């Protein structure tokens, strides 16, 4: 099999991989592998791929601009492509000891931990947002996230009429009424549907089937 071009080896490899992985995973990896096939495809047999070829690919690939991200291809992407190449060559019995010893993945830049706004900064952000009618929706969504733990897909189906301020108490149904302290908002006064209530010491809960807004 090592005498076949990489494109043919890849066909056999991904066909075999469907026995161990989902069709979606294999289809995604085949799309990722396209750039590797384009570089190595029919230039020489798979067992002719050497360490210098892999290093040339790493260098040239990093200089390319991603058509979707509009920025240079990341080291993480190249490393994943090389992982697939290594797997295909191992499948064909062409990943030789010298490749195992000499191959070096590119250094990936690890993302640093982001900064968290202080309580005063958060109040300032909310104050500014509430003064702009175009930003108020984001404030309401942030309040629901902080107070209920609901995610974006759930928040999309809510209206202001489904939000109820109430004293802290346990919910009768975890699926319909989620409760959590609005710790991020602290004692900030939030205007919901024309009513003003303090978040301090209270819980926000959601009734998807209710059409009224209450502040208790």
N, C-alpha and C. Protein backbone atom coordinates (compact mmCIF):
# COMPACT_ATOMS: atom_id res chain seq x y z
N UNK A 1 0.82 -1.21 0.00
CA UNK A 1 0.00 0.00 0.00
C UNK A 1 0.86 1.26 0.00
N UNK A 2 2.07 1.16 0.52
CA UNK A 2 2.95 2.31 0.60
C UNK A 2 3.35 2.87 -0.74
N UNK A 3 3.23 2.06 -1.81
CA UNK A 3 3.59 2.52 -3.14
C UNK A 3 2.48 3.35 -3.79
N UNK A 4 1.30 3.37 -3.17
CA UNK A 4 0.19 4.15 -3.70
C UNK A 4 0.36 5.62 -3.36
N UNK A 5 -0.22 6.51 -4.18
CA UNK A 5 -0.22 7.93 -3.82
C UNK A 5 -1.01 8.15 -2.53
N UNK A 6 -0.72 9.23 -1.83
CA UNK A 6 -1.38 9.50 -0.56
C UNK A 6 -2.88 9.61 -0.72
N UNK A 7 -3.34 10.13 -1.83
CA UNK A 7 -4.79 10.28 -2.05
C UNK A 7 -5.50 8.93 -2.01
N UNK A 8 -4.88 7.92 -2.62
CA UNK A 8 -5.47 6.58 -2.60
C UNK A 8 -5.38 5.95 -1.21
N UNK A 9 -4.27 6.16 -0.55
CA UNK A 9 -4.12 5.64 0.82
C UNK A 9 -5.16 6.26 1.73
N UNK A 10 -5.40 7.55 1.56
CA UNK A 10 -6.40 8.24 2.38
C UNK A 10 -7.79 7.66 2.17
N UNK A 11 -8.10 7.29 0.92
CA UNK A 11 -9.40 6.68 0.64
C UNK A 11 -9.58 5.38 1.44
N UNK A 12 -8.55 4.54 1.42
CA UNK A 12 -8.61 3.29 2.18
C UNK A 12 -8.66 3.56 3.68
N UNK A 13 -7.88 4.53 4.13
CA UNK A 13 -7.81 4.81 5.57
C UNK A 13 -9.14 5.31 6.11
N UNK A 14 -9.74 6.29 5.44
CA UNK A 14 -11.01 6.84 5.94
C UNK A 14 -12.15 5.86 5.77
N UNK A 15 -12.07 5.01 4.74
CA UNK A 15 -13.08 3.97 4.59
C UNK A 15 -13.01 2.99 5.76
N UNK A 16 -11.80 2.63 6.15
CA UNK A 16 -11.64 1.73 7.31
C UNK A 16 -12.07 2.40 8.60
N UNK A 17 -11.84 3.72 8.71
CA UNK A 17 -12.12 4.43 9.95
C UNK A 17 -13.61 4.51 10.24
N UNK A 18 -14.45 4.37 9.24
CA UNK A 18 -15.90 4.42 9.47
C UNK A 18 -16.36 3.27 10.36
N UNK A 19 -15.54 2.22 10.49
CA UNK A 19 -15.89 1.10 11.36
C UNK A 19 -15.72 1.46 12.83
N UNK A 20 -14.97 2.53 13.10
CA UNK A 20 -14.66 2.89 14.48
C UNK A 20 -15.15 4.27 14.87
N UNK A 21 -15.51 5.09 13.88
CA UNK A 21 -15.94 6.47 14.15
C UNK A 21 -17.25 6.75 13.41
N UNK A 22 -17.92 7.80 13.84
CA UNK A 22 -19.18 8.17 13.19
C UNK A 22 -18.92 8.71 11.79
N UNK A 23 -19.94 8.67 10.97
CA UNK A 23 -19.82 9.18 9.60
C UNK A 23 -19.53 10.68 9.59
N UNK A 24 -20.09 11.40 10.58
CA UNK A 24 -19.86 12.85 10.66
C UNK A 24 -18.40 13.15 10.97
N UNK A 25 -17.80 12.37 11.88
CA UNK A 25 -16.39 12.58 12.22
C UNK A 25 -15.49 12.31 11.03
N UNK A 26 -15.74 11.22 10.33
CA UNK A 26 -14.93 10.87 9.17
C UNK A 26 -15.08 11.91 8.07
N UNK A 27 -16.29 12.38 7.84
CA UNK A 27 -16.51 13.41 6.82
C UNK A 27 -15.77 14.69 7.17
N UNK A 28 -15.80 15.07 8.44
CA UNK A 28 -15.08 16.29 8.87
C UNK A 28 -13.59 16.13 8.68
N UNK A 29 -13.03 14.98 9.04
CA UNK A 29 -11.59 14.77 8.91
C UNK A 29 -11.17 14.70 7.44
N UNK A 30 -12.03 14.18 6.59
CA UNK A 30 -11.73 14.16 5.16
C UNK A 30 -11.65 15.57 4.60
N UNK A 31 -12.53 16.45 5.09
CA UNK A 31 -12.47 17.85 4.64
C UNK A 31 -11.17 18.50 5.12
N UNK A 32 -10.80 18.23 6.35
CA UNK A 32 -9.57 18.81 6.89
C UNK A 32 -8.35 18.30 6.12
N UNK A 33 -8.41 17.07 5.66
CA UNK A 33 -7.26 16.42 5.01
C UNK A 33 -7.06 16.88 3.57
N UNK A 34 -8.00 17.65 3.03
CA UNK A 34 -7.92 18.06 1.63
C UNK A 34 -6.62 18.81 1.32
N UNK A 35 -6.22 19.70 2.23
CA UNK A 35 -5.00 20.47 1.98
C UNK A 35 -3.77 19.58 1.98
N UNK A 36 -3.77 18.54 2.80
CA UNK A 36 -2.65 17.59 2.83
C UNK A 36 -2.60 16.80 1.52
N UNK A 37 -3.77 16.36 1.06
CA UNK A 37 -3.83 15.63 -0.21
C UNK A 37 -3.37 16.51 -1.37
N UNK A 38 -3.73 17.79 -1.31
CA UNK A 38 -3.35 18.70 -2.39
C UNK A 38 -1.83 18.85 -2.45
N UNK A 39 -1.19 18.84 -1.29
CA UNK A 39 0.26 19.03 -1.25
C UNK A 39 1.01 17.75 -1.61
N UNK A 40 0.57 16.62 -1.06
CA UNK A 40 1.29 15.37 -1.25
C UNK A 40 0.67 14.46 -2.31
N UNK A 41 -0.61 14.70 -2.64
CA UNK A 41 -1.45 13.81 -3.44
C UNK A 41 -0.79 12.88 -4.41
N UNK A 42 -0.28 13.37 -5.53
CA UNK A 42 0.22 12.50 -6.59
C UNK A 42 1.68 12.79 -6.93
N UNK A 43 2.36 13.50 -6.04
CA UNK A 43 3.75 13.88 -6.33
C UNK A 43 4.68 12.68 -6.23
N UNK A 44 4.42 11.80 -5.26
CA UNK A 44 5.27 10.63 -5.06
C UNK A 44 4.50 9.62 -4.22
N UNK A 45 4.96 8.38 -4.17
CA UNK A 45 4.25 7.38 -3.37
C UNK A 45 4.29 7.74 -1.88
N UNK A 46 3.36 7.16 -1.14
CA UNK A 46 3.25 7.49 0.28
C UNK A 46 4.51 7.13 1.03
N UNK A 47 5.14 6.03 0.68
CA UNK A 47 6.36 5.64 1.39
C UNK A 47 7.55 6.52 1.01
N UNK A 48 7.34 7.45 0.07
CA UNK A 48 8.41 8.39 -0.28
C UNK A 48 8.33 9.71 0.48
N UNK A 49 7.30 9.88 1.31
CA UNK A 49 7.16 11.10 2.10
C UNK A 49 8.20 11.08 3.21
N UNK A 50 9.06 12.07 3.21
CA UNK A 50 10.13 12.14 4.20
C UNK A 50 9.94 13.29 5.16
N UNK A 51 10.85 13.38 6.10
CA UNK A 51 10.77 14.41 7.13
C UNK A 51 10.87 15.80 6.52
N UNK A 52 11.70 15.98 5.50
CA UNK A 52 11.84 17.30 4.89
C UNK A 52 10.56 17.72 4.17
N UNK A 53 9.81 16.75 3.63
CA UNK A 53 8.54 17.07 2.99
C UNK A 53 7.53 17.58 4.03
N UNK A 54 7.49 16.92 5.17
CA UNK A 54 6.58 17.32 6.23
C UNK A 54 6.92 18.71 6.74
N UNK A 55 8.21 18.99 6.89
CA UNK A 55 8.62 20.32 7.36
C UNK A 55 8.30 21.39 6.32
N UNK A 56 8.44 21.06 5.04
CA UNK A 56 8.05 22.01 3.98
C UNK A 56 6.55 22.30 4.05
N UNK A 57 5.76 21.26 4.30
CA UNK A 57 4.32 21.45 4.40
C UNK A 57 3.97 22.34 5.59
N UNK A 58 4.60 22.10 6.72
CA UNK A 58 4.33 22.91 7.91
C UNK A 58 4.63 24.38 7.63
N UNK A 59 5.74 24.66 6.99
CA UNK A 59 6.14 26.04 6.72
C UNK A 59 5.19 26.70 5.72
N UNK A 60 4.92 26.03 4.61
CA UNK A 60 4.06 26.61 3.58
C UNK A 60 2.62 26.76 4.06
N UNK A 61 2.15 25.79 4.82
CA UNK A 61 0.77 25.84 5.30
C UNK A 61 0.57 27.00 6.26
N UNK A 62 1.54 27.28 7.10
CA UNK A 62 1.43 28.38 8.05
C UNK A 62 1.43 29.74 7.35
N UNK A 63 1.93 29.81 6.15
CA UNK A 63 1.96 31.06 5.40
C UNK A 63 0.65 31.31 4.65
N UNK A 64 -0.20 30.30 4.56
CA UNK A 64 -1.46 30.45 3.85
C UNK A 64 -2.48 31.17 4.71
N UNK A 65 -3.44 31.82 4.03
CA UNK A 65 -4.52 32.54 4.71
C UNK A 65 -5.78 31.68 4.67
N UNK A 66 -6.36 31.49 5.84
CA UNK A 66 -7.60 30.72 5.91
C UNK A 66 -8.72 31.46 5.21
N UNK A 67 -9.42 30.84 4.26
CA UNK A 67 -10.50 31.54 3.55
C UNK A 67 -11.70 31.87 4.44
N UNK A 68 -11.86 31.15 5.54
CA UNK A 68 -12.99 31.41 6.43
C UNK A 68 -12.63 32.38 7.55
N UNK A 69 -11.45 32.20 8.15
CA UNK A 69 -11.04 33.05 9.27
C UNK A 69 -10.35 34.33 8.83
N UNK A 70 -9.92 34.40 7.55
CA UNK A 70 -9.26 35.59 6.99
C UNK A 70 -7.99 35.93 7.77
N UNK A 71 -7.27 34.92 8.19
CA UNK A 71 -6.01 35.10 8.91
C UNK A 71 -5.13 33.88 8.66
N UNK A 72 -3.80 33.97 8.95
CA UNK A 72 -2.93 32.83 8.69
C UNK A 72 -3.42 31.56 9.39
N UNK A 73 -3.24 30.44 8.72
CA UNK A 73 -3.63 29.15 9.30
C UNK A 73 -2.87 28.94 10.61
N UNK A 74 -3.57 28.53 11.64
CA UNK A 74 -2.95 28.40 12.96
C UNK A 74 -2.12 27.14 13.06
N UNK A 75 -1.20 27.15 14.04
CA UNK A 75 -0.38 25.97 14.29
C UNK A 75 -1.23 24.79 14.72
N UNK A 76 -2.31 25.06 15.44
CA UNK A 76 -3.20 23.99 15.89
C UNK A 76 -3.81 23.26 14.71
N UNK A 77 -4.21 24.03 13.67
CA UNK A 77 -4.78 23.41 12.48
C UNK A 77 -3.75 22.54 11.77
N UNK A 78 -2.55 23.07 11.61
CA UNK A 78 -1.49 22.31 10.94
C UNK A 78 -1.16 21.04 11.71
N UNK A 79 -1.10 21.13 13.03
CA UNK A 79 -0.81 19.96 13.84
C UNK A 79 -1.87 18.89 13.70
N UNK A 80 -3.13 19.31 13.59
CA UNK A 80 -4.21 18.33 13.42
C UNK A 80 -4.12 17.67 12.05
N UNK A 81 -3.78 18.46 11.04
CA UNK A 81 -3.60 17.90 9.70
C UNK A 81 -2.46 16.90 9.68
N UNK A 82 -1.37 17.21 10.39
CA UNK A 82 -0.24 16.28 10.46
C UNK A 82 -0.58 15.04 11.28
N UNK A 83 -1.47 15.20 12.24
CA UNK A 83 -1.94 14.03 12.99
C UNK A 83 -2.68 13.07 12.06
N UNK A 84 -3.49 13.60 11.17
CA UNK A 84 -4.20 12.76 10.21
C UNK A 84 -3.24 12.13 9.21
N UNK A 85 -2.23 12.90 8.79
CA UNK A 85 -1.23 12.34 7.88
C UNK A 85 -0.49 11.19 8.55
N UNK A 86 -0.12 11.39 9.78
CA UNK A 86 0.58 10.34 10.53
C UNK A 86 -0.29 9.09 10.65
N UNK A 87 -1.56 9.28 10.93
CA UNK A 87 -2.47 8.15 11.07
C UNK A 87 -2.61 7.38 9.75
N UNK A 88 -2.74 8.12 8.64
CA UNK A 88 -2.88 7.48 7.33
C UNK A 88 -1.60 6.73 6.95
N UNK A 89 -0.45 7.33 7.23
CA UNK A 89 0.81 6.67 6.90
C UNK A 89 1.06 5.46 7.81
N UNK A 90 0.64 5.56 9.06
CA UNK A 90 0.75 4.40 9.96
C UNK A 90 -0.14 3.28 9.47
N UNK A 91 -1.33 3.62 8.99
CA UNK A 91 -2.26 2.64 8.44
C UNK A 91 -1.63 1.90 7.26
N UNK A 92 -0.85 2.64 6.45
CA UNK A 92 -0.20 2.06 5.28
C UNK A 92 1.16 1.45 5.59
N UNK A 93 1.58 1.54 6.86
CA UNK A 93 2.88 1.00 7.25
C UNK A 93 4.05 1.82 6.77
N UNK A 94 3.83 3.14 6.62
CA UNK A 94 4.87 4.02 6.06
C UNK A 94 5.42 5.03 7.06
N UNK A 95 4.91 5.01 8.29
CA UNK A 95 5.43 5.96 9.29
C UNK A 95 6.65 5.31 9.94
N UNK A 96 7.81 5.64 9.40
CA UNK A 96 9.05 4.99 9.76
C UNK A 96 9.61 5.53 11.08
N UNK A 97 10.52 4.78 11.71
CA UNK A 97 11.11 5.24 12.99
C UNK A 97 11.76 6.61 12.90
N UNK A 98 12.40 6.91 11.76
CA UNK A 98 13.04 8.22 11.64
C UNK A 98 12.01 9.35 11.64
N UNK A 99 10.81 9.09 11.12
CA UNK A 99 9.74 10.08 11.19
C UNK A 99 9.24 10.22 12.62
N UNK A 100 9.13 9.11 13.32
CA UNK A 100 8.67 9.14 14.71
C UNK A 100 9.62 9.95 15.58
N UNK A 101 10.91 9.82 15.31
CA UNK A 101 11.91 10.52 16.11
C UNK A 101 12.04 11.98 15.69
N UNK A 102 12.03 12.23 14.38
CA UNK A 102 12.34 13.57 13.89
C UNK A 102 11.16 14.52 13.78
N UNK A 103 9.93 14.01 13.69
CA UNK A 103 8.77 14.89 13.53
C UNK A 103 8.51 15.70 14.79
N UNK A 104 8.30 17.00 14.60
CA UNK A 104 8.00 17.90 15.72
C UNK A 104 6.76 18.72 15.40
N UNK A 105 5.71 18.61 16.21
CA UNK A 105 4.53 19.47 16.00
C UNK A 105 4.90 20.94 16.19
N UNK A 106 4.16 21.81 15.57
CA UNK A 106 4.39 23.24 15.74
C UNK A 106 3.94 23.68 17.13
N UNK A 107 4.60 24.70 17.63
CA UNK A 107 4.25 25.22 18.95
C UNK A 107 2.94 25.97 18.88
N UNK A 108 2.01 25.58 19.73
CA UNK A 108 0.70 26.23 19.78
C UNK A 108 0.69 27.28 20.88
N UNK A 109 0.12 28.44 20.57
CA UNK A 109 0.01 29.52 21.55
C UNK A 109 -1.22 29.25 22.41
N UNK A 110 -1.01 29.04 23.68
CA UNK A 110 -2.11 28.76 24.58
C UNK A 110 -2.85 30.05 24.92
N UNK A 111 -4.16 29.96 24.96
CA UNK A 111 -4.96 31.12 25.30
C UNK A 111 -4.82 31.44 26.78
N UNK A 112 -4.65 32.70 27.06
CA UNK A 112 -4.52 33.13 28.44
C UNK A 112 -5.89 33.35 29.06
N UNK A 113 -5.94 33.22 30.36
CA UNK A 113 -7.21 33.41 31.06
C UNK A 113 -7.67 34.85 30.90
N UNK A 114 -8.94 35.03 30.63
CA UNK A 114 -9.48 36.37 30.45
C UNK A 114 -9.66 37.09 31.78
N UNK A 115 -9.89 38.38 31.71
CA UNK A 115 -10.10 39.17 32.90
C UNK A 115 -11.59 39.23 33.23
N UNK A 116 -11.88 39.26 34.50
CA UNK A 116 -13.26 39.33 34.98
C UNK A 116 -13.53 40.72 35.51
N UNK A 117 -14.66 41.30 35.11
CA UNK A 117 -15.01 42.64 35.58
C UNK A 117 -15.29 42.63 37.08
N UNK A 118 -14.89 43.70 37.74
CA UNK A 118 -15.20 43.84 39.16
C UNK A 118 -16.67 44.20 39.31
N UNK A 119 -17.15 44.19 40.56
CA UNK A 119 -18.55 44.51 40.81
C UNK A 119 -18.86 45.95 40.39
N UNK A 120 -17.95 46.87 40.70
CA UNK A 120 -18.17 48.27 40.32
C UNK A 120 -18.16 48.44 38.80
N UNK A 121 -17.25 47.73 38.14
CA UNK A 121 -17.20 47.81 36.68
C UNK A 121 -18.47 47.24 36.07
N UNK A 122 -18.99 46.17 36.66
CA UNK A 122 -20.21 45.57 36.15
C UNK A 122 -21.39 46.52 36.30
N UNK A 123 -21.47 47.20 37.44
CA UNK A 123 -22.54 48.17 37.64
C UNK A 123 -22.44 49.30 36.61
N UNK A 124 -21.21 49.76 36.34
CA UNK A 124 -21.01 50.82 35.34
C UNK A 124 -21.46 50.36 33.96
N UNK A 125 -21.11 49.12 33.62
CA UNK A 125 -21.50 48.59 32.32
C UNK A 125 -23.02 48.53 32.19
N UNK A 126 -23.68 48.05 33.25
CA UNK A 126 -25.13 47.94 33.22
C UNK A 126 -25.78 49.32 33.15
N UNK A 127 -25.23 50.28 33.90
CA UNK A 127 -25.77 51.64 33.88
C UNK A 127 -25.71 52.24 32.49
N UNK A 128 -24.56 52.09 31.85
CA UNK A 128 -24.39 52.61 30.50
C UNK A 128 -25.33 51.91 29.52
N UNK A 129 -25.45 50.60 29.68
CA UNK A 129 -26.30 49.84 28.76
C UNK A 129 -27.77 50.22 28.90
N UNK A 130 -28.21 50.43 30.14
CA UNK A 130 -29.61 50.76 30.36
C UNK A 130 -29.97 52.15 29.85
N UNK A 131 -28.95 52.99 29.62
CA UNK A 131 -29.19 54.33 29.10
C UNK A 131 -29.34 54.33 27.59
N UNK A 132 -29.05 53.22 26.96
CA UNK A 132 -29.14 53.10 25.51
C UNK A 132 -30.18 52.04 25.19
N UNK A 133 -31.25 52.41 24.52
CA UNK A 133 -32.34 51.49 24.27
C UNK A 133 -31.93 50.30 23.41
N UNK A 134 -30.89 50.47 22.60
CA UNK A 134 -30.44 49.38 21.75
C UNK A 134 -29.68 48.31 22.53
N UNK A 135 -29.18 48.68 23.71
CA UNK A 135 -28.41 47.73 24.52
C UNK A 135 -29.24 47.09 25.62
N UNK A 136 -30.45 47.54 25.82
CA UNK A 136 -31.24 47.06 26.95
C UNK A 136 -31.54 45.56 26.83
N UNK A 137 -31.76 45.08 25.61
CA UNK A 137 -32.06 43.67 25.44
C UNK A 137 -30.91 42.80 25.94
N UNK A 138 -29.68 43.24 25.68
CA UNK A 138 -28.52 42.49 26.16
C UNK A 138 -28.47 42.47 27.68
N UNK A 139 -28.88 43.57 28.31
CA UNK A 139 -28.91 43.62 29.77
C UNK A 139 -29.92 42.63 30.31
N UNK A 140 -31.10 42.59 29.71
CA UNK A 140 -32.12 41.65 30.15
C UNK A 140 -31.63 40.20 30.00
N UNK A 141 -30.99 39.92 28.87
CA UNK A 141 -30.47 38.55 28.66
C UNK A 141 -29.41 38.20 29.69
N UNK A 142 -28.53 39.17 30.00
CA UNK A 142 -27.49 38.93 31.00
C UNK A 142 -28.11 38.65 32.36
N UNK A 143 -29.20 39.37 32.70
CA UNK A 143 -29.87 39.16 33.98
C UNK A 143 -30.47 37.76 34.06
N UNK A 144 -31.05 37.32 32.95
CA UNK A 144 -31.63 35.98 32.93
C UNK A 144 -30.54 34.92 33.07
N UNK A 145 -29.42 35.11 32.39
CA UNK A 145 -28.31 34.16 32.50
C UNK A 145 -27.81 34.08 33.93
N UNK A 146 -27.61 35.26 34.54
CA UNK A 146 -27.09 35.29 35.91
C UNK A 146 -28.08 34.74 36.91
N UNK A 147 -29.36 34.97 36.67
CA UNK A 147 -30.36 34.59 37.65
C UNK A 147 -30.92 33.21 37.50
N UNK A 148 -30.80 32.60 36.33
CA UNK A 148 -31.44 31.31 36.09
C UNK A 148 -30.50 30.23 35.61
N UNK A 149 -29.37 30.61 34.99
CA UNK A 149 -28.51 29.61 34.40
C UNK A 149 -28.98 29.13 33.05
N UNK A 150 -30.02 29.77 32.52
CA UNK A 150 -30.51 29.39 31.19
C UNK A 150 -29.47 29.71 30.12
N UNK A 151 -29.50 28.97 29.04
CA UNK A 151 -28.58 29.19 27.95
C UNK A 151 -29.25 29.96 26.83
N UNK A 152 -28.44 30.30 25.80
CA UNK A 152 -28.94 31.14 24.73
C UNK A 152 -30.16 30.59 24.03
N UNK A 153 -30.15 29.26 23.75
CA UNK A 153 -31.28 28.67 23.07
C UNK A 153 -32.57 28.75 23.86
N UNK A 154 -32.46 28.72 25.21
CA UNK A 154 -33.64 28.82 26.05
C UNK A 154 -34.10 30.28 26.16
N UNK A 155 -33.14 31.18 26.28
CA UNK A 155 -33.47 32.59 26.44
C UNK A 155 -34.20 33.12 25.22
N UNK A 156 -33.89 32.60 24.05
CA UNK A 156 -34.50 33.09 22.81
C UNK A 156 -36.01 32.94 22.80
N UNK A 157 -36.54 31.96 23.54
CA UNK A 157 -37.98 31.73 23.51
C UNK A 157 -38.71 32.49 24.60
N UNK A 158 -37.98 33.20 25.47
CA UNK A 158 -38.62 33.95 26.55
C UNK A 158 -39.01 35.34 26.09
N UNK A 159 -39.99 35.91 26.77
CA UNK A 159 -40.32 37.32 26.62
C UNK A 159 -40.24 37.93 28.02
N UNK A 160 -40.27 39.26 28.10
CA UNK A 160 -40.17 39.90 29.42
C UNK A 160 -41.32 39.46 30.33
N UNK A 161 -42.43 39.10 29.71
CA UNK A 161 -43.56 38.68 30.51
C UNK A 161 -43.37 37.35 31.21
N UNK A 162 -42.32 36.61 30.84
CA UNK A 162 -42.10 35.31 31.47
C UNK A 162 -41.17 35.40 32.67
N UNK A 163 -40.63 36.61 32.94
CA UNK A 163 -39.67 36.77 34.03
C UNK A 163 -40.38 37.24 35.29
N UNK A 164 -40.09 36.60 36.39
CA UNK A 164 -40.74 36.94 37.65
C UNK A 164 -39.70 37.07 38.75
N UNK A 165 -39.71 38.22 39.43
CA UNK A 165 -38.86 38.40 40.61
C UNK A 165 -39.64 37.87 41.81
N UNK A 166 -39.00 37.07 42.60
CA UNK A 166 -39.68 36.54 43.77
C UNK A 166 -38.68 36.29 44.88
N UNK A 167 -39.16 36.14 46.09
CA UNK A 167 -38.28 35.84 47.21
C UNK A 167 -37.66 34.46 47.00
N UNK A 168 -36.49 34.26 47.60
CA UNK A 168 -35.77 33.00 47.43
C UNK A 168 -36.62 31.82 47.90
N UNK A 169 -36.76 30.85 47.05
CA UNK A 169 -37.48 29.63 47.39
C UNK A 169 -37.10 28.55 46.40
N UNK A 170 -37.38 27.32 46.74
CA UNK A 170 -37.01 26.23 45.85
C UNK A 170 -38.04 26.11 44.74
N UNK A 171 -37.59 25.67 43.57
CA UNK A 171 -38.48 25.53 42.43
C UNK A 171 -39.17 24.17 42.49
N UNK A 172 -40.42 24.13 42.04
CA UNK A 172 -41.16 22.88 42.07
C UNK A 172 -40.78 21.97 40.91
N UNK A 173 -40.28 22.56 39.82
CA UNK A 173 -39.90 21.75 38.67
C UNK A 173 -38.59 22.27 38.11
N UNK A 174 -37.58 21.42 38.07
CA UNK A 174 -36.27 21.86 37.58
C UNK A 174 -36.32 22.19 36.10
N UNK A 175 -37.23 21.59 35.36
CA UNK A 175 -37.29 21.83 33.92
C UNK A 175 -38.01 23.12 33.58
N UNK A 176 -38.96 23.53 34.42
CA UNK A 176 -39.75 24.72 34.10
C UNK A 176 -39.34 25.94 34.91
N UNK A 177 -38.79 25.73 36.10
CA UNK A 177 -38.46 26.84 36.98
C UNK A 177 -37.05 26.65 37.52
N UNK A 178 -36.10 27.39 37.01
CA UNK A 178 -34.72 27.30 37.47
C UNK A 178 -34.42 28.46 38.40
N UNK A 179 -33.72 28.21 39.46
CA UNK A 179 -33.41 29.25 40.41
C UNK A 179 -31.91 29.32 40.64
N UNK A 180 -31.41 30.51 40.80
CA UNK A 180 -30.00 30.73 41.12
C UNK A 180 -29.84 32.17 41.55
N UNK A 181 -29.01 32.43 42.51
CA UNK A 181 -28.81 33.79 42.98
C UNK A 181 -28.11 34.63 41.92
N UNK A 182 -28.54 35.88 41.79
CA UNK A 182 -27.93 36.79 40.82
C UNK A 182 -26.68 37.39 41.42
N UNK A 183 -25.69 36.55 41.70
CA UNK A 183 -24.49 37.00 42.37
C UNK A 183 -23.73 38.04 41.55
N UNK A 184 -23.76 37.87 40.22
CA UNK A 184 -23.02 38.79 39.37
C UNK A 184 -23.59 40.19 39.41
N UNK A 185 -24.90 40.31 39.62
CA UNK A 185 -25.54 41.61 39.61
C UNK A 185 -25.56 42.24 41.00
N UNK A 186 -25.30 41.45 42.02
CA UNK A 186 -25.26 41.98 43.38
C UNK A 186 -26.56 42.64 43.75
N UNK A 187 -26.49 43.88 44.26
CA UNK A 187 -27.68 44.60 44.70
C UNK A 187 -28.18 45.56 43.63
N UNK A 188 -27.74 45.36 42.40
CA UNK A 188 -28.14 46.27 41.32
C UNK A 188 -29.64 46.19 41.09
N UNK A 189 -30.26 47.35 40.94
CA UNK A 189 -31.69 47.40 40.69
C UNK A 189 -31.95 47.27 39.18
N UNK A 190 -32.69 46.26 38.82
CA UNK A 190 -32.94 45.98 37.42
C UNK A 190 -34.41 46.24 37.10
N UNK A 191 -34.63 46.91 35.99
CA UNK A 191 -35.99 47.21 35.58
C UNK A 191 -36.48 46.11 34.66
N UNK A 192 -37.51 45.42 35.07
CA UNK A 192 -38.10 44.35 34.27
C UNK A 192 -39.55 44.70 33.96
N UNK A 193 -39.87 44.91 32.71
CA UNK A 193 -41.24 45.14 32.29
C UNK A 193 -41.91 46.30 33.00
N UNK A 194 -41.16 47.36 33.32
CA UNK A 194 -41.74 48.53 33.95
C UNK A 194 -41.72 48.48 35.46
N UNK A 195 -41.32 47.37 36.05
CA UNK A 195 -41.25 47.25 37.51
C UNK A 195 -39.80 47.25 37.94
N UNK A 196 -39.51 47.86 39.07
CA UNK A 196 -38.15 47.94 39.57
C UNK A 196 -38.05 47.07 40.82
N UNK A 197 -37.05 46.20 40.85
CA UNK A 197 -36.87 45.34 42.01
C UNK A 197 -35.39 45.12 42.23
N UNK A 198 -35.00 44.87 43.47
CA UNK A 198 -33.60 44.65 43.79
C UNK A 198 -33.26 43.18 43.64
N UNK A 199 -32.05 42.91 43.12
CA UNK A 199 -31.61 41.53 42.95
C UNK A 199 -31.05 40.97 44.25
N UNK A 200 -30.72 41.84 45.19
CA UNK A 200 -30.05 41.40 46.39
C UNK A 200 -30.94 40.47 47.20
N UNK A 201 -30.42 39.28 47.49
CA UNK A 201 -31.14 38.34 48.33
C UNK A 201 -32.36 37.73 47.68
N UNK A 202 -32.48 37.89 46.37
CA UNK A 202 -33.64 37.33 45.68
C UNK A 202 -33.21 36.33 44.63
N UNK A 203 -34.17 35.61 44.14
CA UNK A 203 -33.90 34.68 43.06
C UNK A 203 -34.79 35.00 41.87
N UNK A 204 -34.24 34.77 40.70
CA UNK A 204 -35.00 34.99 39.47
C UNK A 204 -35.42 33.63 38.93
N UNK A 205 -36.68 33.48 38.66
CA UNK A 205 -37.13 32.21 38.09
C UNK A 205 -38.02 32.45 36.90
N UNK A 206 -38.17 31.44 36.08
CA UNK A 206 -38.83 31.58 34.80
C UNK A 206 -40.01 30.62 34.71
N UNK A 207 -41.13 31.15 34.29
CA UNK A 207 -42.29 30.35 33.97
C UNK A 207 -42.58 30.50 32.48
N UNK A 208 -42.20 29.55 31.66
CA UNK A 208 -42.37 29.70 30.20
C UNK A 208 -43.81 29.95 29.77
N UNK A 209 -44.79 29.51 30.54
CA UNK A 209 -46.17 29.64 30.11
C UNK A 209 -46.89 30.86 30.69
N UNK A 210 -46.20 31.65 31.52
CA UNK A 210 -46.82 32.83 32.09
C UNK A 210 -46.65 34.03 31.17
N UNK A 211 -47.63 34.92 31.17
CA UNK A 211 -47.57 36.09 30.28
C UNK A 211 -47.50 37.39 31.05
N UNK A 212 -47.37 37.33 32.38
CA UNK A 212 -47.33 38.56 33.19
C UNK A 212 -46.00 38.67 33.88
N UNK A 213 -45.65 39.90 34.21
CA UNK A 213 -44.42 40.17 34.93
C UNK A 213 -44.77 40.60 36.36
N UNK A 214 -44.12 40.00 37.32
CA UNK A 214 -44.42 40.29 38.71
C UNK A 214 -43.15 40.67 39.44
N UNK A 215 -43.25 41.61 40.34
CA UNK A 215 -42.16 41.95 41.25
C UNK A 215 -42.71 41.81 42.66
N UNK A 216 -42.20 40.88 43.41
CA UNK A 216 -42.75 40.61 44.74
C UNK A 216 -41.72 40.93 45.80
